[in-house]
């Protein structure tokens, strides 16, 4: 399993519209990417603080997609890349950092 992390760094002058992101952008992304058989799930997080007391979070927002393979993610994403990437200015002015990771351990309750 792979995790595709889209990380939005907290920085001076950063704007992030969580209402638009959670009510419009992400439901559309989930509709498009979730239709692929390799889709394993998604989570969206809002950064609230760093480790030090009263410190800012490292990332203002994070999105994590789970897919069976990196190829499955690319198959799901590429046909819709222009639509999803074109929507970014509607919710943020932050340039995202994207990382693909191999999930070695995942456990839930």
N, C-alpha and C. Protein backbone atom coordinates (compact mmCIF):
# COMPACT_ATOMS: atom_id res chain seq x y z
N UNK A 1 0.84 -1.17 0.00
CA UNK A 1 0.00 0.00 0.00
C UNK A 1 0.90 1.24 0.00
N UNK A 2 0.44 2.29 -0.70
CA UNK A 2 1.17 3.56 -0.71
C UNK A 2 0.28 4.67 -0.17
N UNK A 3 0.93 5.64 0.42
CA UNK A 3 0.23 6.83 0.90
C UNK A 3 0.77 8.02 0.11
N UNK A 4 -0.14 8.77 -0.48
CA UNK A 4 0.22 9.97 -1.20
C UNK A 4 -0.17 11.13 -0.29
N UNK A 5 0.84 11.84 0.19
CA UNK A 5 0.62 12.95 1.13
C UNK A 5 0.76 14.26 0.41
N UNK A 6 -0.25 15.11 0.55
CA UNK A 6 -0.23 16.45 -0.02
C UNK A 6 -0.18 17.39 1.17
N UNK A 7 0.96 18.03 1.34
CA UNK A 7 1.25 18.81 2.54
C UNK A 7 1.32 20.30 2.19
N UNK A 8 0.57 21.10 2.91
CA UNK A 8 0.53 22.54 2.68
C UNK A 8 1.25 23.23 3.84
N UNK A 9 2.50 23.69 3.61
CA UNK A 9 3.28 24.29 4.70
C UNK A 9 2.63 25.55 5.28
N UNK A 10 2.74 25.67 6.59
CA UNK A 10 2.30 26.89 7.27
C UNK A 10 3.37 27.94 7.02
N UNK A 11 2.98 29.07 6.47
CA UNK A 11 3.94 30.12 6.16
C UNK A 11 3.27 31.48 6.25
N UNK A 12 4.08 32.49 6.39
CA UNK A 12 3.56 33.85 6.46
C UNK A 12 2.79 34.17 5.18
N UNK A 13 1.62 34.75 5.33
CA UNK A 13 0.79 35.12 4.19
C UNK A 13 -0.01 33.97 3.59
N UNK A 14 0.02 32.81 4.24
CA UNK A 14 -0.71 31.66 3.73
C UNK A 14 -2.22 31.85 3.90
N UNK A 15 -2.95 31.55 2.85
CA UNK A 15 -4.41 31.53 2.89
C UNK A 15 -4.86 30.11 2.59
N UNK A 16 -5.81 29.62 3.39
CA UNK A 16 -6.35 28.30 3.15
C UNK A 16 -7.82 28.31 3.55
N UNK A 17 -8.70 28.09 2.58
CA UNK A 17 -10.14 28.10 2.80
C UNK A 17 -10.60 26.65 3.08
N UNK A 18 -10.67 26.31 4.37
CA UNK A 18 -11.03 24.94 4.74
C UNK A 18 -12.46 24.59 4.36
N UNK A 19 -13.36 25.56 4.37
CA UNK A 19 -14.74 25.29 3.97
C UNK A 19 -14.78 24.85 2.51
N UNK A 20 -14.15 25.61 1.64
CA UNK A 20 -14.12 25.24 0.22
C UNK A 20 -13.43 23.90 0.04
N UNK A 21 -12.30 23.72 0.72
CA UNK A 21 -11.51 22.50 0.57
C UNK A 21 -12.30 21.25 0.99
N UNK A 22 -12.97 21.34 2.13
CA UNK A 22 -13.67 20.16 2.66
C UNK A 22 -15.07 19.97 2.07
N UNK A 23 -15.68 21.03 1.58
CA UNK A 23 -17.05 20.91 1.07
C UNK A 23 -17.15 20.84 -0.45
N UNK A 24 -16.12 21.30 -1.15
CA UNK A 24 -16.17 21.31 -2.62
C UNK A 24 -15.01 20.53 -3.24
N UNK A 25 -13.78 20.95 -2.94
CA UNK A 25 -12.63 20.33 -3.61
C UNK A 25 -12.47 18.85 -3.25
N UNK A 26 -12.41 18.53 -1.98
CA UNK A 26 -12.15 17.15 -1.59
C UNK A 26 -13.30 16.19 -1.95
N UNK A 27 -14.56 16.57 -1.80
CA UNK A 27 -15.61 15.66 -2.27
C UNK A 27 -15.48 15.34 -3.77
N UNK A 28 -15.08 16.34 -4.56
CA UNK A 28 -14.87 16.09 -5.99
C UNK A 28 -13.66 15.18 -6.21
N UNK A 29 -12.57 15.43 -5.50
CA UNK A 29 -11.39 14.58 -5.62
C UNK A 29 -11.71 13.14 -5.21
N UNK A 30 -12.47 12.98 -4.16
CA UNK A 30 -12.84 11.64 -3.69
C UNK A 30 -13.75 10.95 -4.72
N UNK A 31 -14.66 11.70 -5.30
CA UNK A 31 -15.53 11.14 -6.33
C UNK A 31 -14.71 10.63 -7.51
N UNK A 32 -13.74 11.43 -7.95
CA UNK A 32 -12.95 11.07 -9.13
C UNK A 32 -11.93 9.96 -8.83
N UNK A 33 -11.14 10.13 -7.79
CA UNK A 33 -10.09 9.17 -7.49
C UNK A 33 -10.63 7.92 -6.81
N UNK A 34 -11.69 8.08 -6.04
CA UNK A 34 -12.28 6.95 -5.33
C UNK A 34 -12.92 5.93 -6.24
N UNK A 35 -13.17 6.28 -7.48
CA UNK A 35 -13.76 5.34 -8.43
C UNK A 35 -12.76 4.29 -8.89
N UNK A 36 -11.48 4.54 -8.68
CA UNK A 36 -10.45 3.58 -9.11
C UNK A 36 -10.42 2.39 -8.15
N UNK A 37 -10.29 1.18 -8.67
CA UNK A 37 -10.28 0.00 -7.78
C UNK A 37 -9.10 -0.05 -6.81
N UNK A 38 -8.04 0.70 -7.07
CA UNK A 38 -6.90 0.71 -6.17
C UNK A 38 -7.02 1.68 -5.02
N UNK A 39 -8.09 2.47 -4.99
CA UNK A 39 -8.31 3.46 -3.94
C UNK A 39 -8.54 2.76 -2.61
N UNK A 40 -7.82 3.23 -1.57
CA UNK A 40 -7.95 2.59 -0.26
C UNK A 40 -8.46 3.50 0.83
N UNK A 41 -8.58 4.79 0.55
CA UNK A 41 -9.09 5.71 1.55
C UNK A 41 -8.41 7.06 1.46
N UNK A 42 -8.91 7.99 2.27
CA UNK A 42 -8.37 9.35 2.28
C UNK A 42 -8.62 9.96 3.65
N UNK A 43 -7.73 10.83 4.07
CA UNK A 43 -7.96 11.64 5.27
C UNK A 43 -7.50 13.06 5.00
N UNK A 44 -8.15 13.99 5.64
CA UNK A 44 -7.81 15.41 5.53
C UNK A 44 -7.62 15.93 6.95
N UNK A 45 -6.55 16.70 7.15
CA UNK A 45 -6.22 17.20 8.47
C UNK A 45 -5.93 18.69 8.43
N UNK A 46 -6.29 19.36 9.51
CA UNK A 46 -5.96 20.78 9.70
C UNK A 46 -4.88 20.85 10.78
N UNK A 47 -3.76 21.48 10.46
CA UNK A 47 -2.70 21.66 11.46
C UNK A 47 -3.16 22.65 12.52
N UNK A 48 -2.95 22.30 13.79
CA UNK A 48 -3.39 23.18 14.87
C UNK A 48 -2.25 23.73 15.72
N UNK A 49 -1.15 23.01 15.80
CA UNK A 49 -0.03 23.49 16.62
C UNK A 49 1.20 22.63 16.36
N UNK A 50 2.35 23.19 16.73
CA UNK A 50 3.59 22.43 16.70
C UNK A 50 3.80 21.78 18.06
N UNK A 51 4.95 21.16 18.24
CA UNK A 51 5.24 20.46 19.49
C UNK A 51 5.47 21.44 20.64
N UNK A 52 6.19 22.52 20.37
CA UNK A 52 6.47 23.51 21.41
C UNK A 52 5.18 24.25 21.78
N UNK A 53 5.01 24.59 23.04
CA UNK A 53 3.79 25.32 23.45
C UNK A 53 3.61 26.60 22.64
N UNK A 54 2.38 26.82 22.20
CA UNK A 54 2.00 28.02 21.45
C UNK A 54 2.73 28.19 20.13
N UNK A 55 3.27 27.11 19.57
CA UNK A 55 3.94 27.21 18.28
C UNK A 55 2.97 26.88 17.14
N UNK A 56 3.27 27.42 15.98
CA UNK A 56 2.43 27.17 14.80
C UNK A 56 2.68 25.75 14.28
N UNK A 57 1.70 25.19 13.59
CA UNK A 57 1.91 23.87 13.00
C UNK A 57 2.90 23.96 11.84
N UNK A 58 3.56 22.87 11.56
CA UNK A 58 4.46 22.82 10.40
C UNK A 58 3.66 22.92 9.11
N UNK A 59 2.51 22.25 9.10
CA UNK A 59 1.63 22.25 7.92
C UNK A 59 0.27 22.79 8.31
N UNK A 60 -0.24 23.71 7.49
CA UNK A 60 -1.57 24.28 7.74
C UNK A 60 -2.65 23.25 7.42
N UNK A 61 -2.38 22.39 6.44
CA UNK A 61 -3.32 21.34 6.05
C UNK A 61 -2.56 20.18 5.45
N UNK A 62 -3.17 18.99 5.54
CA UNK A 62 -2.59 17.78 4.95
C UNK A 62 -3.72 16.92 4.41
N UNK A 63 -3.44 16.27 3.31
CA UNK A 63 -4.36 15.30 2.73
C UNK A 63 -3.55 14.05 2.45
N UNK A 64 -4.10 12.90 2.82
CA UNK A 64 -3.41 11.63 2.62
C UNK A 64 -4.33 10.65 1.89
N UNK A 65 -3.94 10.26 0.69
CA UNK A 65 -4.66 9.25 -0.07
C UNK A 65 -3.96 7.91 0.11
N UNK A 66 -4.71 6.85 0.25
CA UNK A 66 -4.17 5.50 0.26
C UNK A 66 -4.57 4.80 -1.02
N UNK A 67 -3.58 4.19 -1.67
CA UNK A 67 -3.82 3.42 -2.89
C UNK A 67 -3.04 2.12 -2.81
N UNK A 68 -3.45 1.14 -3.57
CA UNK A 68 -2.78 -0.16 -3.57
C UNK A 68 -1.35 -0.05 -4.06
N UNK A 69 -1.11 0.78 -5.07
CA UNK A 69 0.22 1.00 -5.63
C UNK A 69 0.34 2.44 -6.11
N UNK A 70 1.56 2.89 -6.33
CA UNK A 70 1.75 4.24 -6.88
C UNK A 70 1.21 4.31 -8.31
N UNK A 71 1.30 3.20 -9.04
CA UNK A 71 0.75 3.16 -10.40
C UNK A 71 -0.77 3.33 -10.37
N UNK A 72 -1.42 2.71 -9.40
CA UNK A 72 -2.88 2.85 -9.27
C UNK A 72 -3.25 4.31 -9.01
N UNK A 73 -2.47 4.97 -8.14
CA UNK A 73 -2.74 6.38 -7.89
C UNK A 73 -2.61 7.19 -9.17
N UNK A 74 -1.53 6.98 -9.91
CA UNK A 74 -1.31 7.75 -11.13
C UNK A 74 -2.42 7.48 -12.15
N UNK A 75 -2.87 6.23 -12.25
CA UNK A 75 -3.97 5.90 -13.15
C UNK A 75 -5.24 6.65 -12.76
N UNK A 76 -5.48 6.78 -11.46
CA UNK A 76 -6.67 7.48 -10.98
C UNK A 76 -6.53 8.99 -11.13
N UNK A 77 -5.34 9.51 -10.86
CA UNK A 77 -5.14 10.96 -10.80
C UNK A 77 -4.95 11.62 -12.16
N UNK A 78 -4.11 11.05 -13.01
CA UNK A 78 -3.73 11.74 -14.25
C UNK A 78 -4.89 12.16 -15.14
N UNK A 79 -5.94 11.34 -15.32
CA UNK A 79 -7.05 11.80 -16.17
C UNK A 79 -7.77 13.03 -15.60
N UNK A 80 -7.61 13.30 -14.32
CA UNK A 80 -8.33 14.40 -13.67
C UNK A 80 -7.38 15.48 -13.15
N UNK A 81 -6.10 15.37 -13.47
CA UNK A 81 -5.09 16.28 -12.93
C UNK A 81 -5.40 17.73 -13.24
N UNK A 82 -5.76 18.04 -14.47
CA UNK A 82 -5.98 19.45 -14.82
C UNK A 82 -7.16 20.04 -14.05
N UNK A 83 -8.23 19.26 -13.87
CA UNK A 83 -9.38 19.76 -13.10
C UNK A 83 -9.01 19.99 -11.64
N UNK A 84 -8.37 19.00 -11.02
CA UNK A 84 -8.05 19.10 -9.60
C UNK A 84 -6.99 20.15 -9.33
N UNK A 85 -5.95 20.19 -10.14
CA UNK A 85 -4.90 21.20 -9.94
C UNK A 85 -5.40 22.59 -10.30
N UNK A 86 -6.29 22.68 -11.26
CA UNK A 86 -6.86 23.98 -11.64
C UNK A 86 -7.74 24.58 -10.56
N UNK A 87 -8.20 23.76 -9.65
CA UNK A 87 -9.07 24.21 -8.56
C UNK A 87 -8.28 24.75 -7.36
N UNK A 88 -6.99 24.49 -7.31
CA UNK A 88 -6.17 24.88 -6.16
C UNK A 88 -6.29 26.37 -5.81
N UNK A 89 -6.23 27.29 -6.77
CA UNK A 89 -6.35 28.72 -6.39
C UNK A 89 -7.66 29.08 -5.71
N UNK A 90 -8.67 28.22 -5.81
CA UNK A 90 -9.94 28.49 -5.15
C UNK A 90 -9.88 28.26 -3.64
N UNK A 91 -8.86 27.56 -3.16
CA UNK A 91 -8.79 27.32 -1.71
C UNK A 91 -7.46 27.69 -1.06
N UNK A 92 -6.40 27.89 -1.84
CA UNK A 92 -5.13 28.26 -1.19
C UNK A 92 -4.17 28.95 -2.13
N UNK A 93 -3.24 29.69 -1.52
CA UNK A 93 -2.13 30.28 -2.26
C UNK A 93 -0.81 29.59 -1.89
N UNK A 94 -0.91 28.48 -1.17
CA UNK A 94 0.26 27.74 -0.70
C UNK A 94 0.65 26.68 -1.72
N UNK A 95 1.94 26.59 -2.04
CA UNK A 95 2.42 25.54 -2.92
C UNK A 95 2.60 24.26 -2.10
N UNK A 96 1.92 23.22 -2.52
CA UNK A 96 1.94 21.96 -1.78
C UNK A 96 3.23 21.19 -2.00
N UNK A 97 3.58 20.41 -0.99
CA UNK A 97 4.65 19.43 -1.08
C UNK A 97 3.96 18.07 -1.20
N UNK A 98 4.36 17.28 -2.17
CA UNK A 98 3.73 15.98 -2.39
C UNK A 98 4.77 14.89 -2.17
N UNK A 99 4.38 13.90 -1.40
CA UNK A 99 5.27 12.77 -1.14
C UNK A 99 4.50 11.47 -1.27
N UNK A 100 5.14 10.49 -1.92
CA UNK A 100 4.60 9.13 -1.96
C UNK A 100 5.42 8.30 -0.99
N UNK A 101 4.72 7.55 -0.16
CA UNK A 101 5.38 6.72 0.84
C UNK A 101 4.84 5.30 0.77
N UNK A 102 5.70 4.34 1.02
CA UNK A 102 5.27 2.96 1.17
C UNK A 102 4.82 2.78 2.61
N UNK A 103 3.62 2.30 2.81
CA UNK A 103 3.10 2.08 4.15
C UNK A 103 3.64 0.74 4.65
N UNK A 104 4.42 0.77 5.72
CA UNK A 104 5.01 -0.44 6.26
C UNK A 104 4.18 -1.02 7.40
N UNK A 105 3.59 -0.14 8.21
CA UNK A 105 2.72 -0.56 9.31
C UNK A 105 1.52 0.36 9.33
N UNK A 106 0.35 -0.20 9.43
CA UNK A 106 -0.88 0.57 9.57
C UNK A 106 -1.81 -0.21 10.48
N UNK A 107 -2.21 0.41 11.55
CA UNK A 107 -3.07 -0.28 12.51
C UNK A 107 -4.14 0.68 13.00
N UNK A 108 -5.32 0.20 13.15
CA UNK A 108 -6.41 1.00 13.67
C UNK A 108 -7.20 0.18 14.67
N UNK A 109 -8.12 0.86 15.31
CA UNK A 109 -8.99 0.17 16.27
C UNK A 109 -10.33 -0.08 15.68
